[in-house]
Amino acid sequence: MPILDVIRIRSPEQLDRALAIRRAVFVVEQGVSEGQEFDGRDAEAEHLLALLDGEPVGTLRLRLFDHARIAKIERVAVLPGSRGRRVGQALMRAALERAIALDAHEARLHAQTYVTAFYQALGFVASGSEFEEDGIPHVAMRLDLTEVRQGKVEAP
């Protein structure tokens, strides 16, 4: 059985691996421009890296807003060969645990429209109309972390 770990990125080498995953998924696979994908905001974010049997296969970044009340989860990427192996779920759970540990009240993200069911299964709800981001249809989604923290909603 494969071993799946999610770690907080702590070295430039780990960040390079995460950025390579984002380049493969967003730039090469989905056609997002380098300038849009690498937007200059990586230094202000925490990054997570998913390792499957020790090999980097997924990543995301987490940024805090509104005095750390809002945790925005961005750039969720899993390499094609590792999809369907719960890598995305593990990344998202780790991001939500981190957001709760940082005392964020709400998690937000912009989901590519075709994967909204993935985020809904984690408790996120759509908020607003579909919009285009980087040439791809998206929808804004949110999750109230205060309800998770108070036990009113089951933790993802």
C-alpha atoms as a PDB file:
ATOM      1  CA  MET A   1       0.000   0.000   0.000  1.00  0.00           C
ATOM      2  CA  PRO A   2       1.457   3.393  -0.985  1.00  0.00           C
ATOM      3  CA  ILE A   3       2.404   5.826   1.764  1.00  0.00           C
ATOM      4  CA  LEU A   4       0.906   9.311   1.366  1.00  0.00           C
ATOM      5  CA  ASP A   5       2.323  12.180   3.436  1.00  0.00           C
ATOM      6  CA  VAL A   6       1.615  15.900   3.327  1.00  0.00           C
ATOM      7  CA  ILE A   7       4.339  18.197   4.629  1.00  0.00           C
ATOM      8  CA  ARG A   8       4.730  21.939   5.083  1.00  0.00           C
ATOM      9  CA  ILE A   9       7.430  23.157   2.740  1.00  0.00           C
ATOM     10  CA  ARG A  10      10.471  24.326   4.661  1.00  0.00           C
ATOM     11  CA  SER A  11      13.322  24.437   2.125  1.00  0.00           C
ATOM     12  CA  PRO A  12      14.007  26.030  -1.263  1.00  0.00           C
ATOM     13  CA  GLU A  13      14.422  22.542  -2.738  1.00  0.00           C
ATOM     14  CA  GLN A  14      10.951  21.489  -1.555  1.00  0.00           C
ATOM     15  CA  LEU A  15       9.481  24.710  -2.949  1.00  0.00           C
ATOM     16  CA  ASP A  16      11.184  24.036  -6.291  1.00  0.00           C
ATOM     17  CA  ARG A  17       9.489  20.616  -6.400  1.00  0.00           C
ATOM     18  CA  ALA A  18       6.107  22.209  -5.653  1.00  0.00           C
ATOM     19  CA  LEU A  19       6.584  24.848  -8.335  1.00  0.00           C
ATOM     20  CA  ALA A  20       7.545  22.149 -10.843  1.00  0.00           C
ATOM     21  CA  ILE A  21       4.250  20.361 -10.097  1.00  0.00           C
ATOM     22  CA  ARG A  22       2.316  23.593 -10.600  1.00  0.00           C
ATOM     23  CA  ARG A  23       4.148  24.230 -13.883  1.00  0.00           C
ATOM     24  CA  ALA A  24       3.342  20.698 -15.111  1.00  0.00           C
ATOM     25  CA  VAL A  25      -0.358  20.931 -14.165  1.00  0.00           C
ATOM     26  CA  PHE A  26      -1.272  24.541 -14.816  1.00  0.00           C
ATOM     27  CA  VAL A  27       1.164  25.748 -17.483  1.00  0.00           C
ATOM     28  CA  VAL A  28       1.800  22.596 -19.517  1.00  0.00           C
ATOM     29  CA  GLU A  29      -1.449  20.642 -19.036  1.00  0.00           C
ATOM     30  CA  GLN A  30      -3.985  23.477 -18.743  1.00  0.00           C
ATOM     31  CA  GLY A  31      -2.303  26.204 -20.792  1.00  0.00           C
ATOM     32  CA  VAL A  32      -2.101  28.897 -18.096  1.00  0.00           C
ATOM     33  CA  SER A  33       0.671  31.394 -18.828  1.00  0.00           C
ATOM     34  CA  GLU A  34       3.809  31.369 -16.668  1.00  0.00           C
ATOM     35  CA  GLY A  35       3.095  34.982 -15.674  1.00  0.00           C
ATOM     36  CA  GLN A  36      -0.391  34.156 -14.440  1.00  0.00           C
ATOM     37  CA  GLU A  37       0.658  31.014 -12.596  1.00  0.00           C
ATOM     38  CA  PHE A  38       3.730  32.474 -10.954  1.00  0.00           C
ATOM     39  CA  ASP A  39       2.131  35.687  -9.759  1.00  0.00           C
ATOM     40  CA  GLY A  40       4.738  36.882  -7.251  1.00  0.00           C
ATOM     41  CA  ARG A  41       2.653  35.847  -4.232  1.00  0.00           C
ATOM     42  CA  ASP A  42       4.438  32.624  -3.344  1.00  0.00           C
ATOM     43  CA  ALA A  43       6.705  34.326  -0.790  1.00  0.00           C
ATOM     44  CA  GLU A  44       3.677  35.451   1.262  1.00  0.00           C
ATOM     45  CA  ALA A  45       2.155  31.961   1.372  1.00  0.00           C
ATOM     46  CA  GLU A  46       2.621  28.696   3.182  1.00  0.00           C
ATOM     47  CA  HIS A  47       3.030  25.764   0.814  1.00  0.00           C
ATOM     48  CA  LEU A  48       2.158  22.118   1.299  1.00  0.00           C
ATOM     49  CA  LEU A  49       3.676  19.224  -0.613  1.00  0.00           C
ATOM     50  CA  ALA A  50       2.098  15.781  -1.012  1.00  0.00           C
ATOM     51  CA  LEU A  51       4.524  12.879  -1.164  1.00  0.00           C
ATOM     52  CA  LEU A  52       3.481   9.474  -2.445  1.00  0.00           C
ATOM     53  CA  ASP A  53       6.074   6.902  -1.396  1.00  0.00           C
ATOM     54  CA  GLY A  54       8.450   9.828  -0.893  1.00  0.00           C
ATOM     55  CA  GLU A  55       7.940  11.323  -4.357  1.00  0.00           C
ATOM     56  CA  PRO A  56       6.361  14.807  -4.739  1.00  0.00           C
ATOM     57  CA  VAL A  57       3.010  14.435  -6.516  1.00  0.00           C
ATOM     58  CA  GLY A  58       0.863  17.360  -5.363  1.00  0.00           C
ATOM     59  CA  THR A  59       0.950  20.806  -3.853  1.00  0.00           C
ATOM     60  CA  LEU A  60      -1.085  23.824  -2.777  1.00  0.00           C
ATOM     61  CA  ARG A  61      -0.506  27.181  -1.185  1.00  0.00           C
ATOM     62  CA  LEU A  62      -2.304  28.864   1.699  1.00  0.00           C
ATOM     63  CA  ARG A  63      -2.503  32.623   2.206  1.00  0.00           C
ATOM     64  CA  LEU A  64      -4.116  34.497   5.090  1.00  0.00           C
ATOM     65  CA  PHE A  65      -6.240  37.640   4.796  1.00  0.00           C
ATOM     66  CA  ASP A  66      -8.285  39.931   7.041  1.00  0.00           C
ATOM     67  CA  HIS A  67      -5.985  39.636  10.063  1.00  0.00           C
ATOM     68  CA  ALA A  68      -5.690  35.856   9.501  1.00  0.00           C
ATOM     69  CA  ARG A  69      -9.466  35.359   9.724  1.00  0.00           C
ATOM     70  CA  ILE A  70      -9.645  34.097   6.128  1.00  0.00           C
ATOM     71  CA  ALA A  71      -7.457  31.304   4.780  1.00  0.00           C
ATOM     72  CA  LYS A  72      -7.372  31.241   0.998  1.00  0.00           C
ATOM     73  CA  ILE A  73      -6.372  27.911  -0.501  1.00  0.00           C
ATOM     74  CA  GLU A  74      -4.813  28.302  -3.924  1.00  0.00           C
ATOM     75  CA  ARG A  75      -2.923  26.479  -6.652  1.00  0.00           C
ATOM     76  CA  VAL A  76      -4.146  22.993  -5.719  1.00  0.00           C
ATOM     77  CA  ALA A  77      -2.311  20.714  -8.149  1.00  0.00           C
ATOM     78  CA  VAL A  78      -1.879  16.945  -8.405  1.00  0.00           C
ATOM     79  CA  LEU A  79       0.185  15.306 -11.128  1.00  0.00           C
ATOM     80  CA  PRO A  80      -1.956  13.322 -13.607  1.00  0.00           C
ATOM     81  CA  GLY A  81      -0.463   9.942 -12.679  1.00  0.00           C
ATOM     82  CA  SER A  82      -1.404  10.413  -9.031  1.00  0.00           C
ATOM     83  CA  ARG A  83      -4.992  11.563  -9.460  1.00  0.00           C
ATOM     84  CA  GLY A  84      -7.648   9.296  -8.018  1.00  0.00           C
ATOM     85  CA  ARG A  85      -5.321   8.252  -5.185  1.00  0.00           C
ATOM     86  CA  ARG A  86      -6.712  10.677  -2.566  1.00  0.00           C
ATOM     87  CA  VAL A  87      -3.770  13.069  -2.912  1.00  0.00           C
ATOM     88  CA  GLY A  88      -6.037  16.093  -3.379  1.00  0.00           C
ATOM     89  CA  GLN A  89      -8.126  15.129  -0.342  1.00  0.00           C
ATOM     90  CA  ALA A  90      -5.019  14.731   1.793  1.00  0.00           C
ATOM     91  CA  LEU A  91      -3.708  18.118   0.679  1.00  0.00           C
ATOM     92  CA  MET A  92      -7.027  19.824   1.387  1.00  0.00           C
ATOM     93  CA  ARG A  93      -7.421  18.218   4.809  1.00  0.00           C
ATOM     94  CA  ALA A  94      -3.905  19.297   5.743  1.00  0.00           C
ATOM     95  CA  ALA A  95      -4.620  22.845   4.518  1.00  0.00           C
ATOM     96  CA  LEU A  96      -7.836  23.014   6.549  1.00  0.00           C
ATOM     97  CA  GLU A  97      -6.092  21.661   9.647  1.00  0.00           C
ATOM     98  CA  ARG A  98      -3.414  24.324   9.208  1.00  0.00           C
ATOM     99  CA  ALA A  99      -6.025  27.067   8.730  1.00  0.00           C
ATOM    100  CA  ILE A 100      -7.795  25.973  11.917  1.00  0.00           C
ATOM    101  CA  ALA A 101      -4.475  25.866  13.790  1.00  0.00           C
ATOM    102  CA  LEU A 102      -3.842  29.444  12.633  1.00  0.00           C
ATOM    103  CA  ASP A 103      -7.301  30.357  14.009  1.00  0.00           C
ATOM    104  CA  ALA A 104      -8.799  31.258  10.634  1.00  0.00           C
ATOM    105  CA  HIS A 105     -12.592  31.596  10.718  1.00  0.00           C
ATOM    106  CA  GLU A 106     -13.212  30.758   7.088  1.00  0.00           C
ATOM    107  CA  ALA A 107     -11.518  28.958   4.216  1.00  0.00           C
ATOM    108  CA  ARG A 108     -12.014  30.224   0.678  1.00  0.00           C
ATOM    109  CA  LEU A 109     -10.934  29.071  -2.748  1.00  0.00           C
ATOM    110  CA  HIS A 110     -11.617  29.531  -6.428  1.00  0.00           C
ATOM    111  CA  ALA A 111     -12.514  26.096  -7.809  1.00  0.00           C
ATOM    112  CA  GLN A 112     -12.294  25.187 -11.441  1.00  0.00           C
ATOM    113  CA  THR A 113     -15.948  24.574 -12.245  1.00  0.00           C
ATOM    114  CA  TYR A 114     -15.490  20.953 -13.278  1.00  0.00           C
ATOM    115  CA  VAL A 115     -14.120  20.002  -9.812  1.00  0.00           C
ATOM    116  CA  THR A 116     -16.644  21.756  -7.567  1.00  0.00           C
ATOM    117  CA  ALA A 117     -18.046  18.379  -6.422  1.00  0.00           C
ATOM    118  CA  PHE A 118     -14.599  17.528  -5.018  1.00  0.00           C
ATOM    119  CA  TYR A 119     -14.669  20.633  -2.817  1.00  0.00           C
ATOM    120  CA  GLN A 120     -18.343  20.207  -1.920  1.00  0.00           C
ATOM    121  CA  ALA A 121     -17.502  16.744  -0.565  1.00  0.00           C
ATOM    122  CA  LEU A 122     -15.113  18.529   1.818  1.00  0.00           C
ATOM    123  CA  GLY A 123     -17.880  20.868   3.020  1.00  0.00           C
ATOM    124  CA  PHE A 124     -17.273  23.886   0.779  1.00  0.00           C
ATOM    125  CA  VAL A 125     -20.261  25.727  -0.660  1.00  0.00           C
ATOM    126  CA  ALA A 126     -20.355  27.842  -3.800  1.00  0.00           C
ATOM    127  CA  SER A 127     -20.731  31.570  -3.249  1.00  0.00           C
ATOM    128  CA  GLY A 128     -21.496  33.592  -6.337  1.00  0.00           C
ATOM    129  CA  SER A 129     -21.669  33.080 -10.052  1.00  0.00           C
ATOM    130  CA  GLU A 130     -19.207  31.352 -12.338  1.00  0.00           C
ATOM    131  CA  PHE A 131     -16.332  33.551 -13.533  1.00  0.00           C
ATOM    132  CA  GLU A 132     -13.239  33.149 -15.672  1.00  0.00           C
ATOM    133  CA  GLU A 133      -9.791  33.064 -14.115  1.00  0.00           C
ATOM    134  CA  ASP A 134      -6.682  32.436 -16.214  1.00  0.00           C
ATOM    135  CA  GLY A 135      -8.995  31.529 -19.107  1.00  0.00           C
ATOM    136  CA  ILE A 136     -10.687  28.728 -17.115  1.00  0.00           C
ATOM    137  CA  PRO A 137     -14.246  28.760 -15.655  1.00  0.00           C
ATOM    138  CA  HIS A 138     -14.193  28.970 -11.845  1.00  0.00           C
ATOM    139  CA  VAL A 139     -16.578  29.415  -8.945  1.00  0.00           C
ATOM    140  CA  ALA A 140     -15.784  30.930  -5.549  1.00  0.00           C
ATOM    141  CA  MET A 141     -16.318  28.556  -2.638  1.00  0.00           C
ATOM    142  CA  ARG A 142     -16.131  28.890   1.137  1.00  0.00           C
ATOM    143  CA  LEU A 143     -16.139  26.802   4.295  1.00  0.00           C
ATOM    144  CA  ASP A 144     -17.021  28.185   7.739  1.00  0.00           C
ATOM    145  CA  LEU A 145     -14.218  26.956   9.986  1.00  0.00           C
ATOM    146  CA  THR A 146     -15.849  28.261  13.173  1.00  0.00           C
ATOM    147  CA  GLU A 147     -18.577  25.643  12.755  1.00  0.00           C
ATOM    148  CA  VAL A 148     -15.935  22.954  12.243  1.00  0.00           C
ATOM    149  CA  ARG A 149     -14.065  24.172  15.329  1.00  0.00           C
ATOM    150  CA  GLN A 150     -17.262  24.171  17.439  1.00  0.00           C
ATOM    151  CA  GLY A 151     -18.195  20.675  16.277  1.00  0.00           C
ATOM    152  CA  LYS A 152     -21.372  21.844  14.512  1.00  0.00           C
ATOM    153  CA  VAL A 153     -19.989  20.541  11.221  1.00  0.00           C
ATOM    154  CA  GLU A 154     -17.855  17.423  10.877  1.00  0.00           C
ATOM    155  CA  ALA A 155     -14.229  18.137  10.080  1.00  0.00           C
ATOM    156  CA  PRO A 156     -13.354  17.209   6.489  1.00  0.00           C
END
